[in-house]
Amino acid sequence: MEIQPGQKYKHFKGGVYEVVGVAKHSETLEEMVVYKHDGQLWARPREMWFDEVDKPELGYKGPRFVLID
């Protein structure tokens, strides 16, 4: 799946995040998704962005992020 700047994703815990872009980690060259939430910039490994999570304590099993826009 291709990540595009401006896309909005909903986190499994309910937050909405807007993608700024995809960057590479300077040491490992791992692709990182750069996103903003509540006025702050964050980065998460691209591979982790598309992970499936299993959180029985929250009653949730499914994707970490779901595209909403």
PDB file of N, CA and C in Angstrom:
ATOM      1  N   MET A   1       0.844  -1.179   0.000  1.00  0.00           N
ATOM      2  CA  MET A   1       0.000   0.000   0.000  1.00  0.00           C
ATOM      3  C   MET A   1       0.891   1.245   0.000  1.00  0.00           C
ATOM      4  N   GLU A   2       0.537   2.208  -0.789  1.00  0.00           N
ATOM      5  CA  GLU A   2       1.326   3.430  -0.891  1.00  0.00           C
ATOM      6  C   GLU A   2       0.807   4.482   0.082  1.00  0.00           C
ATOM      7  N   ILE A   3       1.720   5.094   0.794  1.00  0.00           N
ATOM      8  CA  ILE A   3       1.378   6.156   1.734  1.00  0.00           C
ATOM      9  C   ILE A   3       1.619   7.491   1.050  1.00  0.00           C
ATOM     10  N   GLN A   4       0.628   8.383   1.122  1.00  0.00           N
ATOM     11  CA  GLN A   4       0.711   9.690   0.471  1.00  0.00           C
ATOM     12  C   GLN A   4       0.559  10.809   1.500  1.00  0.00           C
ATOM     13  N   PRO A   5       1.323  11.890   1.351  1.00  0.00           N
ATOM     14  CA  PRO A   5       1.134  13.041   2.229  1.00  0.00           C
ATOM     15  C   PRO A   5      -0.316  13.528   2.177  1.00  0.00           C
ATOM     16  N   GLY A   6      -0.835  13.895   3.339  1.00  0.00           N
ATOM     17  CA  GLY A   6      -2.205  14.388   3.428  1.00  0.00           C
ATOM     18  C   GLY A   6      -3.222  13.316   3.769  1.00  0.00           C
ATOM     19  N   GLN A   7      -2.856  12.048   3.599  1.00  0.00           N
ATOM     20  CA  GLN A   7      -3.791  10.981   3.963  1.00  0.00           C
ATOM     21  C   GLN A   7      -4.011  11.008   5.468  1.00  0.00           C
ATOM     22  N   LYS A   8      -5.214  10.635   5.870  1.00  0.00           N
ATOM     23  CA  LYS A   8      -5.535  10.560   7.287  1.00  0.00           C
ATOM     24  C   LYS A   8      -5.825   9.111   7.647  1.00  0.00           C
ATOM     25  N   TYR A   9      -5.284   8.720   8.786  1.00  0.00           N
ATOM     26  CA  TYR A   9      -5.453   7.364   9.284  1.00  0.00           C
ATOM     27  C   TYR A   9      -5.991   7.411  10.701  1.00  0.00           C
ATOM     28  N   LYS A  10      -6.815   6.433  11.021  1.00  0.00           N
ATOM     29  CA  LYS A  10      -7.314   6.298  12.391  1.00  0.00           C
ATOM     30  C   LYS A  10      -6.530   5.182  13.067  1.00  0.00           C
ATOM     31  N   HIS A  11      -5.972   5.486  14.228  1.00  0.00           N
ATOM     32  CA  HIS A  11      -5.233   4.517  15.034  1.00  0.00           C
ATOM     33  C   HIS A  11      -6.238   3.619  15.748  1.00  0.00           C
ATOM     34  N   PHE A  12      -5.842   2.401  16.046  1.00  0.00           N
ATOM     35  CA  PHE A  12      -6.780   1.471  16.678  1.00  0.00           C
ATOM     36  C   PHE A  12      -7.260   1.953  18.039  1.00  0.00           C
ATOM     37  N   LYS A  13      -6.540   2.887  18.663  1.00  0.00           N
ATOM     38  CA  LYS A  13      -6.989   3.442  19.942  1.00  0.00           C
ATOM     39  C   LYS A  13      -7.871   4.673  19.759  1.00  0.00           C
ATOM     40  N   GLY A  14      -8.093   5.087  18.476  1.00  0.00           N
ATOM     41  CA  GLY A  14      -9.051   6.150  18.208  1.00  0.00           C
ATOM     42  C   GLY A  14      -8.504   7.455  17.676  1.00  0.00           C
ATOM     43  N   GLY A  15      -7.215   7.718  17.845  1.00  0.00           N
ATOM     44  CA  GLY A  15      -6.638   8.970  17.361  1.00  0.00           C
ATOM     45  C   GLY A  15      -6.609   9.040  15.843  1.00  0.00           C
ATOM     46  N   VAL A  16      -6.667  10.263  15.321  1.00  0.00           N
ATOM     47  CA  VAL A  16      -6.579  10.479  13.874  1.00  0.00           C
ATOM     48  C   VAL A  16      -5.247  11.163  13.589  1.00  0.00           C
ATOM     49  N   TYR A  17      -4.529  10.633  12.600  1.00  0.00           N
ATOM     50  CA  TYR A  17      -3.179  11.083  12.274  1.00  0.00           C
ATOM     51  C   TYR A  17      -3.095  11.443  10.802  1.00  0.00           C
ATOM     52  N   GLU A  18      -2.404  12.535  10.493  1.00  0.00           N
ATOM     53  CA  GLU A  18      -2.227  12.956   9.102  1.00  0.00           C
ATOM     54  C   GLU A  18      -0.785  12.701   8.670  1.00  0.00           C
ATOM     55  N   VAL A  19      -0.628  12.005   7.555  1.00  0.00           N
ATOM     56  CA  VAL A  19       0.699  11.689   7.041  1.00  0.00           C
ATOM     57  C   VAL A  19       1.337  12.944   6.451  1.00  0.00           C
ATOM     58  N   VAL A  20       2.588  13.197   6.831  1.00  0.00           N
ATOM     59  CA  VAL A  20       3.376  14.292   6.277  1.00  0.00           C
ATOM     60  C   VAL A  20       4.203  13.765   5.108  1.00  0.00           C
ATOM     61  N   GLY A  21       4.716  12.558   5.256  1.00  0.00           N
ATOM     62  CA  GLY A  21       5.511  11.950   4.190  1.00  0.00           C
ATOM     63  C   GLY A  21       6.206  10.701   4.675  1.00  0.00           C
ATOM     64  N   VAL A  22       7.057  10.149   3.825  1.00  0.00           N
ATOM     65  CA  VAL A  22       7.857   8.982   4.170  1.00  0.00           C
ATOM     66  C   VAL A  22       9.320   9.410   4.108  1.00  0.00           C
ATOM     67  N   ALA A  23      10.074   9.061   5.137  1.00  0.00           N
ATOM     68  CA  ALA A  23      11.494   9.415   5.218  1.00  0.00           C
ATOM     69  C   ALA A  23      12.307   8.142   5.422  1.00  0.00           C
ATOM     70  N   LYS A  24      13.618   8.280   5.337  1.00  0.00           N
ATOM     71  CA  LYS A  24      14.510   7.156   5.619  1.00  0.00           C
ATOM     72  C   LYS A  24      15.331   7.477   6.860  1.00  0.00           C
ATOM     73  N   HIS A  25      15.471   6.482   7.724  1.00  0.00           N
ATOM     74  CA  HIS A  25      16.307   6.616   8.908  1.00  0.00           C
ATOM     75  C   HIS A  25      17.749   6.804   8.454  1.00  0.00           C
ATOM     76  N   SER A  26      18.436   7.775   9.013  1.00  0.00           N
ATOM     77  CA  SER A  26      19.781   8.131   8.536  1.00  0.00           C
ATOM     78  C   SER A  26      20.823   7.031   8.745  1.00  0.00           C
ATOM     79  N   GLU A  27      20.638   6.183   9.727  1.00  0.00           N
ATOM     80  CA  GLU A  27      21.620   5.137  10.009  1.00  0.00           C
ATOM     81  C   GLU A  27      21.263   3.800   9.367  1.00  0.00           C
ATOM     82  N   THR A  28      19.981   3.446   9.416  1.00  0.00           N
ATOM     83  CA  THR A  28      19.570   2.111   8.959  1.00  0.00           C
ATOM     84  C   THR A  28      18.927   2.117   7.579  1.00  0.00           C
ATOM     85  N   LEU A  29      18.561   3.304   7.093  1.00  0.00           N
ATOM     86  CA  LEU A  29      17.825   3.485   5.833  1.00  0.00           C
ATOM     87  C   LEU A  29      16.421   2.878   5.872  1.00  0.00           C
ATOM     88  N   GLU A  30      15.955   2.523   7.067  1.00  0.00           N
ATOM     89  CA  GLU A  30      14.597   2.009   7.225  1.00  0.00           C
ATOM     90  C   GLU A  30      13.600   3.111   6.870  1.00  0.00           C
ATOM     91  N   GLU A  31      12.551   2.758   6.127  1.00  0.00           N
ATOM     92  CA  GLU A  31      11.517   3.740   5.791  1.00  0.00           C
ATOM     93  C   GLU A  31      10.685   4.052   7.026  1.00  0.00           C
ATOM     94  N   MET A  32      10.460   5.352   7.240  1.00  0.00           N
ATOM     95  CA  MET A  32       9.689   5.829   8.378  1.00  0.00           C
ATOM     96  C   MET A  32       8.524   6.671   7.874  1.00  0.00           C
ATOM     97  N   VAL A  33       7.356   6.460   8.459  1.00  0.00           N
ATOM     98  CA  VAL A  33       6.201   7.302   8.156  1.00  0.00           C
ATOM     99  C   VAL A  33       6.258   8.496   9.108  1.00  0.00           C
ATOM    100  N   VAL A  34       6.282   9.689   8.545  1.00  0.00           N
ATOM    101  CA  VAL A  34       6.277  10.919   9.341  1.00  0.00           C
ATOM    102  C   VAL A  34       4.838  11.417   9.347  1.00  0.00           C
ATOM    103  N   TYR A  35       4.311  11.644  10.536  1.00  0.00           N
ATOM    104  CA  TYR A  35       2.906  12.036  10.645  1.00  0.00           C
ATOM    105  C   TYR A  35       2.750  13.070  11.744  1.00  0.00           C
ATOM    106  N   LYS A  36       1.601  13.759  11.706  1.00  0.00           N
ATOM    107  CA  LYS A  36       1.352  14.748  12.755  1.00  0.00           C
ATOM    108  C   LYS A  36       0.071  14.415  13.494  1.00  0.00           C
ATOM    109  N   HIS A  37       0.123  14.771  14.784  1.00  0.00           N
ATOM    110  CA  HIS A  37      -1.011  14.552  15.678  1.00  0.00           C
ATOM    111  C   HIS A  37      -0.907  15.577  16.797  1.00  0.00           C
ATOM    112  N   ASP A  38      -1.984  16.286  17.038  1.00  0.00           N
ATOM    113  CA  ASP A  38      -2.026  17.307  18.099  1.00  0.00           C
ATOM    114  C   ASP A  38      -0.884  18.315  17.980  1.00  0.00           C
ATOM    115  N   GLY A  39      -0.558  18.704  16.735  1.00  0.00           N
ATOM    116  CA  GLY A  39       0.443  19.730  16.509  1.00  0.00           C
ATOM    117  C   GLY A  39       1.887  19.270  16.612  1.00  0.00           C
ATOM    118  N   GLN A  40       2.104  17.979  16.835  1.00  0.00           N
ATOM    119  CA  GLN A  40       3.462  17.452  16.932  1.00  0.00           C
ATOM    120  C   GLN A  40       3.753  16.520  15.770  1.00  0.00           C
ATOM    121  N   LEU A  41       5.026  16.464  15.369  1.00  0.00           N
ATOM    122  CA  LEU A  41       5.451  15.520  14.340  1.00  0.00           C
ATOM    123  C   LEU A  41       5.994  14.265  15.005  1.00  0.00           C
ATOM    124  N   TRP A  42       5.662  13.121  14.404  1.00  0.00           N
ATOM    125  CA  TRP A  42       6.083  11.820  14.904  1.00  0.00           C
ATOM    126  C   TRP A  42       6.592  10.995  13.733  1.00  0.00           C
ATOM    127  N   ALA A  43       7.361   9.966  14.034  1.00  0.00           N
ATOM    128  CA  ALA A  43       7.824   9.041  13.001  1.00  0.00           C
ATOM    129  C   ALA A  43       7.679   7.621  13.531  1.00  0.00           C
ATOM    130  N   ARG A  44       7.255   6.745  12.646  1.00  0.00           N
ATOM    131  CA  ARG A  44       7.079   5.335  13.002  1.00  0.00           C
ATOM    132  C   ARG A  44       7.585   4.509  11.824  1.00  0.00           C
ATOM    133  N   PRO A  45       8.260   3.396  12.081  1.00  0.00           N
ATOM    134  CA  PRO A  45       8.693   2.553  10.968  1.00  0.00           C
ATOM    135  C   PRO A  45       7.513   2.173  10.072  1.00  0.00           C
ATOM    136  N   ARG A  46       7.732   2.265   8.760  1.00  0.00           N
ATOM    137  CA  ARG A  46       6.675   1.969   7.787  1.00  0.00           C
ATOM    138  C   ARG A  46       6.102   0.571   8.008  1.00  0.00           C
ATOM    139  N   GLU A  47       6.987  -0.373   8.266  1.00  0.00           N
ATOM    140  CA  GLU A  47       6.541  -1.752   8.490  1.00  0.00           C
ATOM    141  C   GLU A  47       5.578  -1.833   9.667  1.00  0.00           C
ATOM    142  N   MET A  48       5.861  -1.085  10.714  1.00  0.00           N
ATOM    143  CA  MET A  48       5.003  -1.068  11.897  1.00  0.00           C
ATOM    144  C   MET A  48       3.661  -0.392  11.597  1.00  0.00           C
ATOM    145  N   TRP A  49       3.664   0.578  10.681  1.00  0.00           N
ATOM    146  CA  TRP A  49       2.445   1.302  10.310  1.00  0.00           C
ATOM    147  C   TRP A  49       1.362   0.330   9.848  1.00  0.00           C
ATOM    148  N   PHE A  50       1.794  -0.696   9.119  1.00  0.00           N
ATOM    149  CA  PHE A  50       0.844  -1.647   8.542  1.00  0.00           C
ATOM    150  C   PHE A  50       0.693  -2.927   9.359  1.00  0.00           C
ATOM    151  N   ASP A  51       1.252  -2.958  10.559  1.00  0.00           N
ATOM    152  CA  ASP A  51       1.137  -4.132  11.430  1.00  0.00           C
ATOM    153  C   ASP A  51      -0.306  -4.430  11.807  1.00  0.00           C
ATOM    154  N   GLU A  52      -0.525  -5.693  12.086  1.00  0.00           N
ATOM    155  CA  GLU A  52      -1.754  -6.125  12.742  1.00  0.00           C
ATOM    156  C   GLU A  52      -1.441  -6.164  14.234  1.00  0.00           C
ATOM    157  N   VAL A  53      -2.343  -5.673  15.044  1.00  0.00           N
ATOM    158  CA  VAL A  53      -2.145  -5.701  16.492  1.00  0.00           C
ATOM    159  C   VAL A  53      -3.175  -6.621  17.128  1.00  0.00           C
ATOM    160  N   ASP A  54      -2.780  -7.213  18.236  1.00  0.00           N
ATOM    161  CA  ASP A  54      -3.667  -8.101  18.983  1.00  0.00           C
ATOM    162  C   ASP A  54      -3.618  -7.642  20.435  1.00  0.00           C
ATOM    163  N   LYS A  55      -4.661  -6.947  20.843  1.00  0.00           N
ATOM    164  CA  LYS A  55      -4.723  -6.386  22.193  1.00  0.00           C
ATOM    165  C   LYS A  55      -5.974  -6.905  22.900  1.00  0.00           C
ATOM    166  N   PRO A  56      -5.910  -8.149  23.425  1.00  0.00           N
ATOM    167  CA  PRO A  56      -7.097  -8.710  24.085  1.00  0.00           C
ATOM    168  C   PRO A  56      -7.592  -7.854  25.246  1.00  0.00           C
ATOM    169  N   GLU A  57      -6.644  -7.167  25.919  1.00  0.00           N
ATOM    170  CA  GLU A  57      -7.050  -6.322  27.050  1.00  0.00           C
ATOM    171  C   GLU A  57      -7.916  -5.154  26.599  1.00  0.00           C
ATOM    172  N   LEU A  58      -7.833  -4.810  25.307  1.00  0.00           N
ATOM    173  CA  LEU A  58      -8.668  -3.749  24.736  1.00  0.00           C
ATOM    174  C   LEU A  58      -9.801  -4.321  23.889  1.00  0.00           C
ATOM    175  N   GLY A  59      -9.824  -5.643  23.764  1.00  0.00           N
ATOM    176  CA  GLY A  59     -10.843  -6.276  22.929  1.00  0.00           C
ATOM    177  C   GLY A  59     -10.655  -5.976  21.457  1.00  0.00           C
ATOM    178  N   TYR A  60      -9.384  -5.852  21.024  1.00  0.00           N
ATOM    179  CA  TYR A  60      -9.134  -5.480  19.634  1.00  0.00           C
ATOM    180  C   TYR A  60      -8.095  -6.378  18.995  1.00  0.00           C
ATOM    181  N   LYS A  61      -8.407  -6.790  17.777  1.00  0.00           N
ATOM    182  CA  LYS A  61      -7.457  -7.490  16.922  1.00  0.00           C
ATOM    183  C   LYS A  61      -7.703  -6.981  15.514  1.00  0.00           C
ATOM    184  N   GLY A  62      -6.686  -6.350  14.909  1.00  0.00           N
ATOM    185  CA  GLY A  62      -6.853  -5.802  13.573  1.00  0.00           C
ATOM    186  C   GLY A  62      -5.697  -4.894  13.225  1.00  0.00           C
ATOM    187  N   PRO A  63      -5.865  -4.081  12.180  1.00  0.00           N
ATOM    188  CA  PRO A  63      -4.775  -3.208  11.748  1.00  0.00           C
ATOM    189  C   PRO A  63      -4.490  -2.091  12.754  1.00  0.00           C
ATOM    190  N   ARG A  64      -3.213  -1.705  12.825  1.00  0.00           N
ATOM    191  CA  ARG A  64      -2.816  -0.604  13.716  1.00  0.00           C
ATOM    192  C   ARG A  64      -3.447   0.706  13.249  1.00  0.00           C
ATOM    193  N   PHE A  65      -3.419   0.946  11.921  1.00  0.00           N
ATOM    194  CA  PHE A  65      -3.986   2.154  11.333  1.00  0.00           C
ATOM    195  C   PHE A  65      -4.932   1.785  10.196  1.00  0.00           C
ATOM    196  N   VAL A  66      -6.007   2.549  10.052  1.00  0.00           N
ATOM    197  CA  VAL A  66      -6.963   2.367   8.960  1.00  0.00           C
ATOM    198  C   VAL A  66      -7.090   3.700   8.228  1.00  0.00           C
ATOM    199  N   LEU A  67      -6.926   3.667   6.912  1.00  0.00           N
ATOM    200  CA  LEU A  67      -7.052   4.866   6.089  1.00  0.00           C
ATOM    201  C   LEU A  67      -8.485   5.384   6.142  1.00  0.00           C
ATOM    202  N   ILE A  68      -8.653   6.675   6.441  1.00  0.00           N
ATOM    203  CA  ILE A  68     -10.002   7.244   6.506  1.00  0.00           C
ATOM    204  C   ILE A  68     -10.201   8.361   5.502  1.00  0.00           C
ATOM    205  N   ASP A  69      -9.137   8.813   4.836  1.00  0.00           N
ATOM    206  CA  ASP A  69      -9.280   9.941   3.908  1.00  0.00           C
ATOM    207  C   ASP A  69      -8.404   9.740   2.700  1.00  0.00           C
TER     208      ASP A  69
END
